[in-house]
Protein backbone atom coordinates (compact mmCIF):
# COMPACT_ATOMS: atom_id res chain seq x y z
CA MET A 1 116.53 69.74 92.57
CA LEU A 2 114.24 72.67 91.88
CA TRP A 3 110.94 71.90 90.22
CA ARG A 4 108.25 74.17 88.89
CA MET A 5 105.37 74.53 91.36
CA SER A 6 103.34 77.20 89.62
CA GLN A 7 103.65 79.43 86.61
CA VAL A 8 100.20 80.90 86.11
CA SER A 9 101.93 84.09 85.03
CA PRO A 10 105.43 83.75 83.52
CA VAL A 11 106.51 87.21 84.78
CA LEU A 12 106.66 85.81 88.32
CA THR A 13 107.61 82.18 88.86
CA VAL A 14 107.47 80.07 92.00
CA THR A 15 109.63 76.98 92.30
CA ALA A 16 110.13 74.57 95.17
CA ASP A 17 113.26 73.12 96.72
CA GLY A 18 111.85 70.85 99.40
CA ASP A 19 110.02 73.07 101.86
CA VAL A 20 111.58 76.28 100.49
CA ARG A 21 109.83 78.31 97.81
CA VAL A 22 111.83 80.44 95.38
CA VAL A 23 109.94 83.43 93.96
CA THR A 24 111.62 84.87 90.87
CA LEU A 25 110.86 88.15 89.13
CA ASN A 26 111.04 86.86 85.57
CA ARG A 27 111.41 89.62 82.99
CA PRO A 28 115.17 89.38 82.46
CA ASP A 29 115.05 91.07 79.05
CA ARG A 30 113.64 94.17 80.84
CA LEU A 31 115.88 93.84 83.90
CA ASN A 32 112.75 92.59 85.70
CA GLY A 33 111.09 95.95 85.20
CA VAL A 34 107.67 96.19 86.83
CA SER A 35 104.89 95.81 84.27
CA GLU A 36 101.21 95.93 85.18
CA GLU A 37 101.08 92.13 85.22
CA LEU A 38 104.14 91.79 87.44
CA HIS A 39 102.82 94.48 89.78
CA ARG A 40 99.56 92.54 90.15
CA ARG A 41 101.32 89.21 90.69
CA LEU A 42 103.51 90.73 93.40
CA SER A 43 100.33 91.68 95.25
CA GLU A 44 98.91 88.14 94.96
CA VAL A 45 101.82 85.79 95.53
CA TRP A 46 102.17 86.30 99.29
CA ARG A 47 98.64 85.14 100.05
CA GLU A 48 99.15 82.14 97.75
CA LEU A 49 102.36 81.17 99.53
CA ALA A 50 100.77 81.64 102.95
CA ASP A 51 98.20 79.04 101.90
CA ASP A 52 100.92 76.56 100.87
CA THR A 53 100.92 74.18 103.84
CA LYS A 54 104.21 72.55 102.81
CA ALA A 55 106.20 75.78 102.57
CA ARG A 56 108.46 76.80 105.47
CA ALA A 57 110.59 79.60 104.00
CA VAL A 58 110.84 81.76 100.87
CA VAL A 59 113.66 83.18 98.74
CA LEU A 60 112.88 86.24 96.59
CA THR A 61 115.21 86.97 93.66
CA GLY A 62 115.37 88.17 90.06
CA ALA A 63 116.09 86.35 86.82
CA GLY A 64 119.16 87.39 84.86
CA ARG A 65 121.41 90.25 85.93
CA ALA A 66 118.96 92.39 87.91
CA PHE A 67 116.81 91.96 90.99
CA SER A 68 114.44 94.61 89.64
CA ALA A 69 115.66 97.69 87.85
CA GLY A 70 112.32 99.40 88.27
CA GLY A 71 109.34 100.59 86.31
CA ASP A 72 108.76 99.39 82.75
CA PHE A 73 108.34 102.32 80.35
CA ASP A 74 105.33 100.85 78.57
CA HIS A 75 103.59 100.61 81.94
CA LEU A 76 104.77 104.03 83.12
CA LEU A 77 103.58 105.92 80.07
CA ARG A 78 100.13 104.32 80.19
CA HIS A 79 99.62 105.85 83.63
CA HIS A 80 99.70 109.35 82.17
CA ASP A 81 96.35 108.89 80.45
CA ASP A 82 94.64 106.38 82.75
CA ALA A 83 93.33 107.56 86.12
CA GLU A 84 91.97 104.10 86.93
CA LEU A 85 95.41 102.58 86.39
CA ARG A 86 96.91 105.21 88.68
CA ASP A 87 94.48 104.34 91.45
CA ARG A 88 95.00 100.63 90.91
CA SER A 89 98.77 101.02 91.22
CA ILE A 90 98.38 102.70 94.61
CA ARG A 91 96.09 99.89 95.77
CA LEU A 92 98.62 97.30 94.61
CA ASP A 93 101.46 99.09 96.41
CA ARG A 94 99.42 99.12 99.60
CA THR A 95 98.61 95.42 99.26
CA ILE A 96 102.22 94.43 98.56
CA GLN A 97 103.51 96.27 101.63
CA THR A 98 100.78 94.94 103.91
CA GLU A 99 100.99 91.35 102.68
CA MET A 100 104.77 91.27 103.06
CA ILE A 101 104.59 92.64 106.60
CA ARG A 102 101.95 90.08 107.59
CA PHE A 103 103.43 87.12 105.68
CA PRO A 104 103.95 84.29 108.21
CA LEU A 105 107.07 82.64 106.75
CA PRO A 106 110.64 83.98 106.75
CA VAL A 107 111.58 85.61 103.43
CA ILE A 108 115.17 86.01 102.24
CA ALA A 109 115.98 88.50 99.50
CA ALA A 110 118.73 87.27 97.18
CA VAL A 111 119.61 90.59 95.56
CA ASN A 112 121.45 89.51 92.42
CA GLY A 113 121.77 92.94 90.77
CA PRO A 114 120.17 96.40 90.78
CA ALA A 115 117.25 96.72 93.21
CA VAL A 116 115.70 100.09 92.44
CA GLY A 117 112.45 101.86 93.32
CA LEU A 118 109.82 99.22 93.98
CA GLY A 119 112.57 96.61 93.56
CA CYS A 120 114.44 98.21 96.45
CA SER A 121 111.27 98.22 98.57
CA LEU A 122 110.69 94.54 97.81
CA ALA A 123 114.20 93.66 98.94
CA LEU A 124 114.00 95.71 102.14
CA GLY A 125 110.56 94.29 102.89
CA CYS A 126 112.12 90.85 103.30
CA ASP A 127 113.25 89.47 106.66
CA LEU A 128 116.87 88.92 105.64
CA VAL A 129 118.78 90.47 102.74
CA LEU A 130 121.76 88.87 100.98
CA MET A 131 123.39 90.93 98.24
CA ALA A 132 125.71 89.93 95.42
CA GLU A 133 129.02 91.81 95.33
CA ASP A 134 127.99 93.88 92.31
CA ALA A 135 124.40 94.53 93.42
CA TYR A 136 123.13 97.86 94.69
CA LEU A 137 120.04 99.48 96.19
CA ALA A 138 118.51 102.80 95.15
CA ASP A 139 115.23 104.61 95.61
CA PRO A 140 115.12 107.50 93.12
CA HIS A 141 111.43 108.38 93.49
CA ILE A 142 112.24 112.01 94.33
CA SER A 143 114.66 112.22 91.41
CA VAL A 144 111.76 111.52 89.05
CA GLY A 145 109.34 113.80 90.87
CA LEU A 146 107.53 111.30 93.09
CA VAL A 147 107.13 110.56 96.79
CA ALA A 148 108.56 107.15 97.76
CA GLY A 149 105.15 105.76 98.66
CA ASP A 150 105.74 102.11 97.80
CA GLY A 151 107.92 101.42 100.83
CA GLY A 152 110.85 103.82 101.08
CA VAL A 153 109.24 106.21 103.55
CA THR A 154 107.94 103.43 105.80
CA LEU A 155 110.66 100.77 105.61
CA TRP A 156 113.94 102.67 105.61
CA PRO A 157 113.52 104.44 109.00
CA LEU A 158 113.06 101.02 110.64
CA LEU A 159 116.40 99.81 109.28
CA THR A 160 118.87 102.70 109.45
CA SER A 161 119.22 106.21 110.87
CA LEU A 162 116.83 108.94 109.81
CA LEU A 163 119.76 111.05 108.65
CA ARG A 164 120.84 108.29 106.26
CA VAL A 165 117.24 107.73 105.13
CA LYS A 166 116.96 111.39 104.18
CA GLU A 167 120.33 111.37 102.44
CA TYR A 168 119.54 108.45 100.16
CA LEU A 169 115.86 109.17 99.53
CA PHE A 170 116.51 112.86 98.88
CA THR A 171 119.40 112.19 96.47
CA GLY A 172 118.40 108.84 94.96
CA ASP A 173 122.05 107.76 95.15
CA ARG A 174 122.93 104.13 94.68
CA ILE A 175 124.03 102.13 97.70
CA PRO A 176 126.60 99.44 96.85
CA ALA A 177 126.25 96.08 98.58
CA ALA A 178 129.01 96.62 101.14
CA LYS A 179 127.61 100.04 102.05
CA ALA A 180 124.12 98.55 102.40
CA VAL A 181 125.47 96.11 105.00
CA GLU A 182 127.23 98.95 106.84
CA LEU A 183 123.98 100.94 106.94
CA GLY A 184 121.92 98.00 108.19
CA LEU A 185 119.95 97.66 104.94
CA ALA A 186 121.39 94.22 104.18
CA ASN A 187 122.73 91.32 106.23
CA ARG A 188 125.76 90.37 104.20
CA VAL A 189 127.53 90.50 100.85
CA VAL A 190 127.92 87.21 99.00
CA PRO A 191 130.10 86.37 95.98
CA THR A 192 127.82 86.68 92.98
CA ALA A 193 128.34 83.07 91.90
CA ASP A 194 127.39 81.82 95.38
CA LEU A 195 124.34 84.00 96.02
CA HIS A 196 121.60 81.55 95.04
CA ARG A 197 123.25 78.66 96.87
CA GLU A 198 123.79 80.66 100.06
CA ALA A 199 120.27 82.06 100.02
CA LEU A 200 118.84 78.56 99.65
CA ALA A 201 121.07 77.23 102.43
CA LEU A 202 119.92 79.98 104.78
CA ALA A 203 116.29 79.39 103.81
CA HIS A 204 116.62 75.67 104.56
CA ARG A 205 118.21 76.50 107.91
CA LEU A 206 115.24 78.68 108.81
CA ALA A 207 112.81 76.09 107.45
CA ALA A 208 114.28 73.57 109.91
CA GLN A 209 113.54 75.79 112.93
CA PRO A 210 110.49 74.93 115.08
CA PRO A 211 107.73 76.40 112.89
CA GLN A 212 105.32 77.56 115.59
CA ALA A 213 107.99 79.50 117.48
CA LEU A 214 109.40 81.05 114.31
CA ARG A 215 106.00 82.10 113.00
CA ALA A 216 104.91 83.51 116.35
CA THR A 217 108.13 85.50 116.67
CA LYS A 218 107.75 86.89 113.18
CA GLN A 219 104.11 87.72 113.88
CA ALA A 220 105.08 89.65 117.02
CA LEU A 221 107.74 91.58 115.12
CA ALA A 222 105.28 92.24 112.30
CA ALA A 223 102.83 93.73 114.79
CA VAL A 224 105.48 96.25 115.81
CA VAL A 225 106.32 97.08 112.18
CA GLU A 226 102.68 97.45 111.24
CA GLN A 227 101.92 99.64 114.22
CA VAL A 228 104.86 101.94 113.50
CA SER A 229 104.32 102.11 109.74
CA ARG A 230 100.53 102.25 109.45
CA GLY A 231 100.09 106.02 109.46
CA GLY A 232 103.24 106.70 107.49
CA MET A 233 102.36 104.16 104.82
CA GLU A 234 99.00 105.70 104.04
CA ALA A 235 100.35 109.23 104.12
CA ALA A 236 103.19 108.26 101.77
CA LEU A 237 100.85 106.49 99.35
CA MET A 238 98.52 109.48 99.19
CA ALA A 239 101.47 111.83 98.76
CA GLU A 240 102.79 109.67 95.94
CA ARG A 241 99.35 109.73 94.33
CA ALA A 242 99.39 113.53 94.48
CA THR A 243 102.84 113.81 92.88
CA MET A 244 101.84 111.51 90.03
CA THR A 245 100.21 114.49 88.32
CA SER A 246 102.96 117.01 89.04
CA PRO A 247 104.56 118.89 86.12
CA ASP A 248 108.01 117.85 87.35
CA HIS A 249 107.20 114.16 87.30
CA ILE A 250 105.54 114.24 83.89
CA ARG A 251 108.41 116.22 82.38
CA ILE A 252 111.11 113.97 83.84
CA ILE A 253 109.49 110.67 82.94
CA ASN A 254 108.82 111.80 79.38
CA GLU A 255 112.41 112.99 79.02
CA LEU A 256 113.67 109.63 80.26
CA ALA A 257 111.30 107.75 77.99
CA ALA A 258 112.43 109.81 75.01
CA ARG A 259 116.06 109.17 75.88
CA ALA A 260 115.32 105.44 75.93
CA GLY A 261 113.44 105.64 72.64
CA GLY A 262 110.01 105.18 74.17
CA GLY A 263 108.92 108.78 74.72
CA ARG A 264 106.00 110.69 73.22
CA ALA A 265 106.51 114.09 71.65
CA GLY A 266 105.40 116.74 74.09
CA GLY A 267 104.60 114.22 76.80
CA ALA A 268 101.43 114.16 78.85
CA LYS A 269 99.66 117.20 80.20
CA ALA A 270 100.35 117.89 83.84
CA GLU A 271 96.77 118.09 84.94
CA GLY A 272 95.12 114.71 85.50
CA SER A 273 98.08 112.66 84.32
CA ALA A 274 101.09 110.59 85.30
CA ASN A 275 100.80 107.97 87.95
CA THR A 276 104.06 106.30 87.30
CA LYS A 277 106.48 104.16 89.18
CA PRO A 278 110.03 105.55 89.00
CA ASP A 279 112.79 103.32 89.11
CA GLU A 280 115.98 102.40 87.30
CA ALA A 281 118.05 103.29 84.33
CA ALA A 282 116.67 104.59 81.10
CA THR A 283 117.90 101.47 79.39
CA GLU A 284 116.25 98.30 78.21
CA GLY A 285 112.75 99.64 78.73
CA THR A 286 113.04 100.77 82.35
CA ALA A 287 113.03 104.23 83.88
CA THR A 288 115.38 105.87 86.33
CA GLY A 289 116.23 108.91 88.26
CA ALA A 290 119.11 107.12 89.96
CA PRO A 291 122.44 108.87 89.59
CA SER A 292 125.60 106.95 88.85
CA PRO A 293 127.02 104.98 91.78
CA ASP A 294 128.40 107.42 94.27
CA LYS A 295 131.57 106.80 96.16
CA GLU A 296 131.10 104.99 99.43
CA ARG A 297 130.91 107.38 102.32
């Protein structure tokens, strides 16, 4: 039986099932869109879980019908006029990537729906990825005028071929669950109704492994990932920071916001504005540059 361990912030909950912790992005009415509060909590939760001496494995998932459909419009539009918020977002992205790489316990992503932008990076930053049949991945940063600094540039080349990385980052196309497995971006596709149960079962299996050996193995693998990604991560973050004030990005995000009913007439000025997080569809308060699902190649 799951019981509530901590809910300091309701946008991100942590529950326990024995020695497994379930971290849930909890803004289902916004398709778990990334608000400022959720962004901050995502940067904090890994250190908190690392300090939990009774935890042995973690499942990361989303409440409702999405894993995370991306940036929340209210949060995105505030970036246009707030340089401090722009800088803070880059720091949080850096912390999230670094903390997930260094996190000592195995983490299983239970991708229950769209995982877009930062949501996609969160899923691919996990150690194992299970996807529901109707879930998909997408990183449409470029489609909304940004560099994929929050993980796409650094994570994807470690998981699949550089040609495929370029194809999907350059186009922002959606990757259905079965295609994600074929590309090496996910471990397996699970019937939607069974996803949570199978993710928990796998987490308990890993939790039962000898902890010292598992942690040491993960630490050794993390050292490789960190060594390979260190330079690229910082370059990507700084490049994303630079594109946050580009005319293309400001125009696109304001058009999307207006289409969703949250735009401002005329938008923000290009100079000294827009540090936004792209992400998913211009519906229910989230933003997207992701095209419609493309046919599987």
